[in-house]
Amino acid sequence: MPKDTRAAAHKRAREKAQQERQKQKQQRRIEARERKDSGDASGGSEDPDIAGIQPGPQPRPEWLDDLDAEEPDAESAEPPQ
């Protein structure tokens, strides 16, 4: 009796698809490695939230100065009776 060639054809198709997926995965790994390597060499982009901040004490924000000017000094004020 002849063998079922449909099963063999399906197996070849599955193996070919698996090899293609492995090639794509390997290519993605190579691209990711290149992006990682090139990102370190260029210094990367700076986080906009911390851009311009220097190590050490930071200057007092202006909005705190405005609040202090509006409120009377707590130490010189007499407690209510």
PDB file of N, CA and C in Angstrom:
ATOM      1  N   MET A   1       0.826  -1.182   0.000  1.00  0.00           N
ATOM      2  CA  MET A   1       0.000   0.000   0.000  1.00  0.00           C
ATOM      3  C   MET A   1       0.873   1.249   0.000  1.00  0.00           C
ATOM      4  N   PRO A   2       0.416   2.292  -0.692  1.00  0.00           N
ATOM      5  CA  PRO A   2       1.204   3.529  -0.713  1.00  0.00           C
ATOM      6  C   PRO A   2       1.083   4.282   0.605  1.00  0.00           C
ATOM      7  N   LYS A   3       2.147   4.997   0.934  1.00  0.00           N
ATOM      8  CA  LYS A   3       2.138   5.799   2.157  1.00  0.00           C
ATOM      9  C   LYS A   3       1.289   7.046   1.950  1.00  0.00           C
ATOM     10  N   ASP A   4       0.848   7.616   3.051  1.00  0.00           N
ATOM     11  CA  ASP A   4       0.036   8.835   3.003  1.00  0.00           C
ATOM     12  C   ASP A   4       0.974  10.017   2.768  1.00  0.00           C
ATOM     13  N   THR A   5       0.985  10.539   1.564  1.00  0.00           N
ATOM     14  CA  THR A   5       1.887  11.649   1.242  1.00  0.00           C
ATOM     15  C   THR A   5       1.383  12.963   1.815  1.00  0.00           C
ATOM     16  N   ARG A   6       0.106  13.030   2.141  1.00  0.00           N
ATOM     17  CA  ARG A   6      -0.440  14.258   2.717  1.00  0.00           C
ATOM     18  C   ARG A   6       0.210  14.544   4.072  1.00  0.00           C
ATOM     19  N   ALA A   7       0.410  13.538   4.891  1.00  0.00           N
ATOM     20  CA  ALA A   7       1.036  13.713   6.197  1.00  0.00           C
ATOM     21  C   ALA A   7       2.486  14.166   6.035  1.00  0.00           C
ATOM     22  N   ALA A   8       3.184  13.570   5.061  1.00  0.00           N
ATOM     23  CA  ALA A   8       4.578  13.962   4.835  1.00  0.00           C
ATOM     24  C   ALA A   8       4.656  15.408   4.346  1.00  0.00           C
ATOM     25  N   ALA A   9       3.717  15.816   3.504  1.00  0.00           N
ATOM     26  CA  ALA A   9       3.703  17.194   2.998  1.00  0.00           C
ATOM     27  C   ALA A   9       3.422  18.175   4.136  1.00  0.00           C
ATOM     28  N   HIS A  10       2.504  17.819   5.023  1.00  0.00           N
ATOM     29  CA  HIS A  10       2.196  18.683   6.164  1.00  0.00           C
ATOM     30  C   HIS A  10       3.399  18.796   7.093  1.00  0.00           C
ATOM     31  N   LYS A  11       4.088  17.689   7.288  1.00  0.00           N
ATOM     32  CA  LYS A  11       5.266  17.709   8.158  1.00  0.00           C
ATOM     33  C   LYS A  11       6.344  18.609   7.570  1.00  0.00           C
ATOM     34  N   ARG A  12       6.574  18.516   6.252  1.00  0.00           N
ATOM     35  CA  ARG A  12       7.562  19.378   5.601  1.00  0.00           C
ATOM     36  C   ARG A  12       7.171  20.847   5.727  1.00  0.00           C
ATOM     37  N   ALA A  13       5.887  21.129   5.577  1.00  0.00           N
ATOM     38  CA  ALA A  13       5.410  22.513   5.704  1.00  0.00           C
ATOM     39  C   ALA A  13       5.616  23.031   7.129  1.00  0.00           C
ATOM     40  N   ARG A  14       5.321  22.188   8.129  1.00  0.00           N
ATOM     41  CA  ARG A  14       5.530  22.594   9.527  1.00  0.00           C
ATOM     42  C   ARG A  14       7.000  22.850   9.806  1.00  0.00           C
ATOM     43  N   GLU A  15       7.868  21.962   9.314  1.00  0.00           N
ATOM     44  CA  GLU A  15       9.303  22.137   9.540  1.00  0.00           C
ATOM     45  C   GLU A  15       9.821  23.399   8.853  1.00  0.00           C
ATOM     46  N   LYS A  16       9.328  23.669   7.651  1.00  0.00           N
ATOM     47  CA  LYS A  16       9.745  24.865   6.932  1.00  0.00           C
ATOM     48  C   LYS A  16       9.278  26.127   7.671  1.00  0.00           C
ATOM     49  N   ALA A  17       8.047  26.102   8.193  1.00  0.00           N
ATOM     50  CA  ALA A  17       7.524  27.240   8.948  1.00  0.00           C
ATOM     51  C   ALA A  17       8.325  27.436  10.239  1.00  0.00           C
ATOM     52  N   GLN A  18       8.709  26.343  10.876  1.00  0.00           N
ATOM     53  CA  GLN A  18       9.492  26.436  12.103  1.00  0.00           C
ATOM     54  C   GLN A  18      10.864  27.035  11.813  1.00  0.00           C
ATOM     55  N   GLN A  19      11.494  26.619  10.726  1.00  0.00           N
ATOM     56  CA  GLN A  19      12.796  27.185  10.362  1.00  0.00           C
ATOM     57  C   GLN A  19      12.684  28.677  10.071  1.00  0.00           C
ATOM     58  N   GLU A  20      11.595  29.075   9.401  1.00  0.00           N
ATOM     59  CA  GLU A  20      11.379  30.488   9.099  1.00  0.00           C
ATOM     60  C   GLU A  20      11.194  31.297  10.386  1.00  0.00           C
ATOM     61  N   ARG A  21      10.432  30.756  11.334  1.00  0.00           N
ATOM     62  CA  ARG A  21      10.254  31.438  12.621  1.00  0.00           C
ATOM     63  C   ARG A  21      11.585  31.569  13.354  1.00  0.00           C
ATOM     64  N   GLN A  22      12.420  30.535  13.303  1.00  0.00           N
ATOM     65  CA  GLN A  22      13.720  30.589  13.960  1.00  0.00           C
ATOM     66  C   GLN A  22      14.612  31.652  13.322  1.00  0.00           C
ATOM     67  N   LYS A  23      14.559  31.767  11.990  1.00  0.00           N
ATOM     68  CA  LYS A  23      15.345  32.800  11.304  1.00  0.00           C
ATOM     69  C   LYS A  23      14.883  34.194  11.711  1.00  0.00           C
ATOM     70  N   GLN A  24      13.558  34.399  11.771  1.00  0.00           N
ATOM     71  CA  GLN A  24      13.027  35.698  12.163  1.00  0.00           C
ATOM     72  C   GLN A  24      13.406  36.037  13.606  1.00  0.00           C
ATOM     73  N   LYS A  25      13.326  35.048  14.474  1.00  0.00           N
ATOM     74  CA  LYS A  25      13.666  35.256  15.874  1.00  0.00           C
ATOM     75  C   LYS A  25      15.150  35.613  16.017  1.00  0.00           C
ATOM     76  N   GLN A  26      16.006  34.916  15.281  1.00  0.00           N
ATOM     77  CA  GLN A  26      17.434  35.206  15.317  1.00  0.00           C
ATOM     78  C   GLN A  26      17.707  36.611  14.801  1.00  0.00           C
ATOM     79  N   GLN A  27      16.998  37.014  13.749  1.00  0.00           N
ATOM     80  CA  GLN A  27      17.172  38.355  13.197  1.00  0.00           C
ATOM     81  C   GLN A  27      16.743  39.411  14.216  1.00  0.00           C
ATOM     82  N   ARG A  28      15.631  39.188  14.917  1.00  0.00           N
ATOM     83  CA  ARG A  28      15.182  40.131  15.950  1.00  0.00           C
ATOM     84  C   ARG A  28      16.210  40.230  17.072  1.00  0.00           C
ATOM     85  N   ARG A  29      16.803  39.102  17.447  1.00  0.00           N
ATOM     86  CA  ARG A  29      17.828  39.122  18.498  1.00  0.00           C
ATOM     87  C   ARG A  29      19.031  39.956  18.069  1.00  0.00           C
ATOM     88  N   ILE A  30      19.452  39.781  16.819  1.00  0.00           N
ATOM     89  CA  ILE A  30      20.599  40.536  16.303  1.00  0.00           C
ATOM     90  C   ILE A  30      20.278  42.028  16.294  1.00  0.00           C
ATOM     91  N   GLU A  31      19.084  42.392  15.820  1.00  0.00           N
ATOM     92  CA  GLU A  31      18.691  43.802  15.776  1.00  0.00           C
ATOM     93  C   GLU A  31      18.614  44.394  17.183  1.00  0.00           C
ATOM     94  N   ALA A  32      18.069  43.646  18.132  1.00  0.00           N
ATOM     95  CA  ALA A  32      17.974  44.131  19.506  1.00  0.00           C
ATOM     96  C   ALA A  32      19.365  44.331  20.101  1.00  0.00           C
ATOM     97  N   ARG A  33      20.268  43.412  19.821  1.00  0.00           N
ATOM     98  CA  ARG A  33      21.635  43.523  20.320  1.00  0.00           C
ATOM     99  C   ARG A  33      22.316  44.765  19.733  1.00  0.00           C
ATOM    100  N   GLU A  34      22.093  45.020  18.429  1.00  0.00           N
ATOM    101  CA  GLU A  34      22.686  46.192  17.786  1.00  0.00           C
ATOM    102  C   GLU A  34      22.110  47.482  18.366  1.00  0.00           C
ATOM    103  N   ARG A  35      20.793  47.517  18.608  1.00  0.00           N
ATOM    104  CA  ARG A  35      20.180  48.708  19.205  1.00  0.00           C
ATOM    105  C   ARG A  35      20.741  48.951  20.597  1.00  0.00           C
ATOM    106  N   LYS A  36      20.900  47.888  21.355  1.00  0.00           N
ATOM    107  CA  LYS A  36      21.418  48.019  22.712  1.00  0.00           C
ATOM    108  C   LYS A  36      22.858  48.531  22.687  1.00  0.00           C
ATOM    109  N   ASP A  37      23.669  47.973  21.810  1.00  0.00           N
ATOM    110  CA  ASP A  37      25.067  48.388  21.717  1.00  0.00           C
ATOM    111  C   ASP A  37      25.189  49.818  21.217  1.00  0.00           C
ATOM    112  N   SER A  38      24.420  50.200  20.219  1.00  0.00           N
ATOM    113  CA  SER A  38      24.522  51.545  19.675  1.00  0.00           C
ATOM    114  C   SER A  38      23.942  52.568  20.642  1.00  0.00           C
ATOM    115  N   GLY A  39      22.958  52.204  21.439  1.00  0.00           N
ATOM    116  CA  GLY A  39      22.361  53.122  22.414  1.00  0.00           C
ATOM    117  C   GLY A  39      23.336  53.497  23.502  1.00  0.00           C
ATOM    118  N   ASP A  40      24.159  52.558  23.937  1.00  0.00           N
ATOM    119  CA  ASP A  40      25.141  52.849  24.973  1.00  0.00           C
ATOM    120  C   ASP A  40      26.244  53.754  24.455  1.00  0.00           C
ATOM    121  N   ALA A  41      26.645  53.588  23.230  1.00  0.00           N
ATOM    122  CA  ALA A  41      27.740  54.367  22.669  1.00  0.00           C
ATOM    123  C   ALA A  41      27.334  55.818  22.445  1.00  0.00           C
ATOM    124  N   SER A  42      26.075  56.071  22.066  1.00  0.00           N
ATOM    125  CA  SER A  42      25.645  57.431  21.771  1.00  0.00           C
ATOM    126  C   SER A  42      25.233  58.183  23.027  1.00  0.00           C
ATOM    127  N   GLY A  43      25.111  57.537  24.153  1.00  0.00           N
ATOM    128  CA  GLY A  43      24.729  58.199  25.379  1.00  0.00           C
ATOM    129  C   GLY A  43      23.235  58.142  25.631  1.00  0.00           C
ATOM    130  N   GLY A  44      22.472  57.789  24.653  1.00  0.00           N
ATOM    131  CA  GLY A  44      21.029  57.672  24.832  1.00  0.00           C
ATOM    132  C   GLY A  44      20.375  59.030  24.990  1.00  0.00           C
ATOM    133  N   SER A  45      19.081  59.030  25.113  1.00  0.00           N
ATOM    134  CA  SER A  45      18.355  60.273  25.291  1.00  0.00           C
ATOM    135  C   SER A  45      18.189  60.538  26.780  1.00  0.00           C
ATOM    136  N   GLU A  46      18.189  61.797  27.134  1.00  0.00           N
ATOM    137  CA  GLU A  46      18.080  62.186  28.534  1.00  0.00           C
ATOM    138  C   GLU A  46      16.617  62.243  28.933  1.00  0.00           C
ATOM    139  N   ASP A  47      16.322  61.811  30.131  1.00  0.00           N
ATOM    140  CA  ASP A  47      14.961  61.844  30.640  1.00  0.00           C
ATOM    141  C   ASP A  47      14.534  63.298  30.826  1.00  0.00           C
ATOM    142  N   PRO A  48      13.426  63.741  30.223  1.00  0.00           N
ATOM    143  CA  PRO A  48      13.034  65.142  30.326  1.00  0.00           C
ATOM    144  C   PRO A  48      12.656  65.554  31.750  1.00  0.00           C
ATOM    145  N   ASP A  49      12.262  64.603  32.590  1.00  0.00           N
ATOM    146  CA  ASP A  49      11.895  64.941  33.962  1.00  0.00           C
ATOM    147  C   ASP A  49      13.102  65.347  34.803  1.00  0.00           C
ATOM    148  N   ILE A  50      14.267  64.826  34.471  1.00  0.00           N
ATOM    149  CA  ILE A  50      15.452  65.130  35.277  1.00  0.00           C
ATOM    150  C   ILE A  50      16.494  65.919  34.495  1.00  0.00           C
ATOM    151  N   ALA A  51      16.123  66.451  33.350  1.00  0.00           N
ATOM    152  CA  ALA A  51      17.068  67.215  32.539  1.00  0.00           C
ATOM    153  C   ALA A  51      17.478  68.477  33.285  1.00  0.00           C
ATOM    154  N   GLY A  52      18.759  68.723  33.346  1.00  0.00           N
ATOM    155  CA  GLY A  52      19.273  69.941  33.953  1.00  0.00           C
ATOM    156  C   GLY A  52      19.445  69.892  35.456  1.00  0.00           C
ATOM    157  N   ILE A  53      19.113  68.789  36.102  1.00  0.00           N
ATOM    158  CA  ILE A  53      19.267  68.704  37.555  1.00  0.00           C
ATOM    159  C   ILE A  53      20.708  68.328  37.873  1.00  0.00           C
ATOM    160  N   GLN A  54      21.281  69.068  38.800  1.00  0.00           N
ATOM    161  CA  GLN A  54      22.652  68.821  39.225  1.00  0.00           C
ATOM    162  C   GLN A  54      22.646  68.042  40.537  1.00  0.00           C
ATOM    163  N   PRO A  55      23.682  67.258  40.810  1.00  0.00           N
ATOM    164  CA  PRO A  55      23.753  66.566  42.100  1.00  0.00           C
ATOM    165  C   PRO A  55      23.914  67.577  43.236  1.00  0.00           C
ATOM    166  N   GLY A  56      23.371  67.238  44.381  1.00  0.00           N
ATOM    167  CA  GLY A  56      23.492  68.108  45.540  1.00  0.00           C
ATOM    168  C   GLY A  56      22.206  68.872  45.798  1.00  0.00           C
ATOM    169  N   PRO A  57      22.269  69.840  46.701  1.00  0.00           N
ATOM    170  CA  PRO A  57      21.065  70.608  47.041  1.00  0.00           C
ATOM    171  C   PRO A  57      20.538  71.369  45.828  1.00  0.00           C
ATOM    172  N   GLN A  58      19.235  71.395  45.700  1.00  0.00           N
ATOM    173  CA  GLN A  58      18.592  72.092  44.598  1.00  0.00           C
ATOM    174  C   GLN A  58      18.096  73.452  45.082  1.00  0.00           C
ATOM    175  N   PRO A  59      17.999  74.421  44.181  1.00  0.00           N
ATOM    176  CA  PRO A  59      17.478  75.732  44.599  1.00  0.00           C
ATOM    177  C   PRO A  59      16.017  75.614  45.022  1.00  0.00           C
ATOM    178  N   ARG A  60      15.613  76.505  45.892  1.00  0.00           N
ATOM    179  CA  ARG A  60      14.243  76.500  46.398  1.00  0.00           C
ATOM    180  C   ARG A  60      13.295  76.937  45.281  1.00  0.00           C
ATOM    181  N   PRO A  61      12.178  76.205  45.097  1.00  0.00           N
ATOM    182  CA  PRO A  61      11.231  76.589  44.054  1.00  0.00           C
ATOM    183  C   PRO A  61      10.607  77.955  44.341  1.00  0.00           C
ATOM    184  N   GLU A  62      10.316  78.713  43.296  1.00  0.00           N
ATOM    185  CA  GLU A  62       9.762  80.061  43.457  1.00  0.00           C
ATOM    186  C   GLU A  62       8.382  80.036  44.107  1.00  0.00           C
ATOM    187  N   TRP A  63       7.601  79.000  43.852  1.00  0.00           N
ATOM    188  CA  TRP A  63       6.252  78.969  44.409  1.00  0.00           C
ATOM    189  C   TRP A  63       6.274  78.854  45.927  1.00  0.00           C
ATOM    190  N   LEU A  64       7.345  78.287  46.511  1.00  0.00           N
ATOM    191  CA  LEU A  64       7.454  78.237  47.967  1.00  0.00           C
ATOM    192  C   LEU A  64       7.741  79.621  48.533  1.00  0.00           C
ATOM    193  N   ASP A  65       8.532  80.419  47.812  1.00  0.00           N
ATOM    194  CA  ASP A  65       8.818  81.783  48.253  1.00  0.00           C
ATOM    195  C   ASP A  65       7.538  82.607  48.267  1.00  0.00           C
ATOM    196  N   ASP A  66       6.669  82.407  47.273  1.00  0.00           N
ATOM    197  CA  ASP A  66       5.404  83.134  47.206  1.00  0.00           C
ATOM    198  C   ASP A  66       4.505  82.757  48.380  1.00  0.00           C
ATOM    199  N   LEU A  67       4.456  81.480  48.753  1.00  0.00           N
ATOM    200  CA  LEU A  67       3.635  81.049  49.882  1.00  0.00           C
ATOM    201  C   LEU A  67       4.155  81.630  51.191  1.00  0.00           C
ATOM    202  N   ASP A  68       5.466  81.677  51.368  1.00  0.00           N
ATOM    203  CA  ASP A  68       6.049  82.210  52.595  1.00  0.00           C
ATOM    204  C   ASP A  68       5.763  83.701  52.728  1.00  0.00           C
ATOM    205  N   ALA A  69       5.740  84.423  51.628  1.00  0.00           N
ATOM    206  CA  ALA A  69       5.481  85.858  51.671  1.00  0.00           C
ATOM    207  C   ALA A  69       4.021  86.132  52.058  1.00  0.00           C
ATOM    208  N   GLU A  70       3.085  85.281  51.707  1.00  0.00           N
ATOM    209  CA  GLU A  70       1.673  85.483  51.997  1.00  0.00           C
ATOM    210  C   GLU A  70       1.322  85.127  53.437  1.00  0.00           C
ATOM    211  N   GLU A  71       1.960  84.113  54.021  1.00  0.00           N
ATOM    212  CA  GLU A  71       1.632  83.664  55.370  1.00  0.00           C
ATOM    213  C   GLU A  71       2.445  84.440  56.400  1.00  0.00           C
ATOM    214  N   PRO A  72       1.815  84.801  57.525  1.00  0.00           N
ATOM    215  CA  PRO A  72       2.589  85.455  58.592  1.00  0.00           C
ATOM    216  C   PRO A  72       3.496  84.433  59.262  1.00  0.00           C
ATOM    217  N   ASP A  73       4.524  84.921  59.882  1.00  0.00           N
ATOM    218  CA  ASP A  73       5.494  84.059  60.551  1.00  0.00           C
ATOM    219  C   ASP A  73       4.809  83.356  61.721  1.00  0.00           C
ATOM    220  N   ALA A  74       4.877  82.039  61.786  1.00  0.00           N
ATOM    221  CA  ALA A  74       4.194  81.243  62.794  1.00  0.00           C
ATOM    222  C   ALA A  74       4.793  81.435  64.175  1.00  0.00           C
ATOM    223  N   GLU A  75       6.074  81.717  64.290  1.00  0.00           N
ATOM    224  CA  GLU A  75       6.722  81.852  65.594  1.00  0.00           C
ATOM    225  C   GLU A  75       6.349  83.172  66.259  1.00  0.00           C
ATOM    226  N   SER A  76       6.185  84.247  65.489  1.00  0.00           N
ATOM    227  CA  SER A  76       5.887  85.539  66.096  1.00  0.00           C
ATOM    228  C   SER A  76       4.388  85.728  66.339  1.00  0.00           C
ATOM    229  N   ALA A  77       3.581  84.911  65.726  1.00  0.00           N
ATOM    230  CA  ALA A  77       2.133  85.045  65.935  1.00  0.00           C
ATOM    231  C   ALA A  77       1.744  84.508  67.305  1.00  0.00           C
ATOM    232  N   GLU A  78       0.809  85.211  67.948  1.00  0.00           N
ATOM    233  CA  GLU A  78       0.362  84.771  69.274  1.00  0.00           C
ATOM    234  C   GLU A  78      -0.692  83.682  69.086  1.00  0.00           C
ATOM    235  N   PRO A  79      -0.685  82.676  69.964  1.00  0.00           N
ATOM    236  CA  PRO A  79      -1.706  81.628  69.856  1.00  0.00           C
ATOM    237  C   PRO A  79      -3.069  82.191  70.240  1.00  0.00           C
ATOM    238  N   PRO A  80      -4.126  81.750  69.576  1.00  0.00           N
ATOM    239  CA  PRO A  80      -5.471  82.238  69.919  1.00  0.00           C
ATOM    240  C   PRO A  80      -5.901  81.743  71.290  1.00  0.00           C
ATOM    241  N   GLN A  81      -6.676  82.601  72.001  1.00  0.00           N
ATOM    242  CA  GLN A  81      -7.103  82.230  73.349  1.00  0.00           C
ATOM    243  C   GLN A  81      -8.555  81.956  73.404  1.00  0.00           C
TER     244      GLN A  81
END
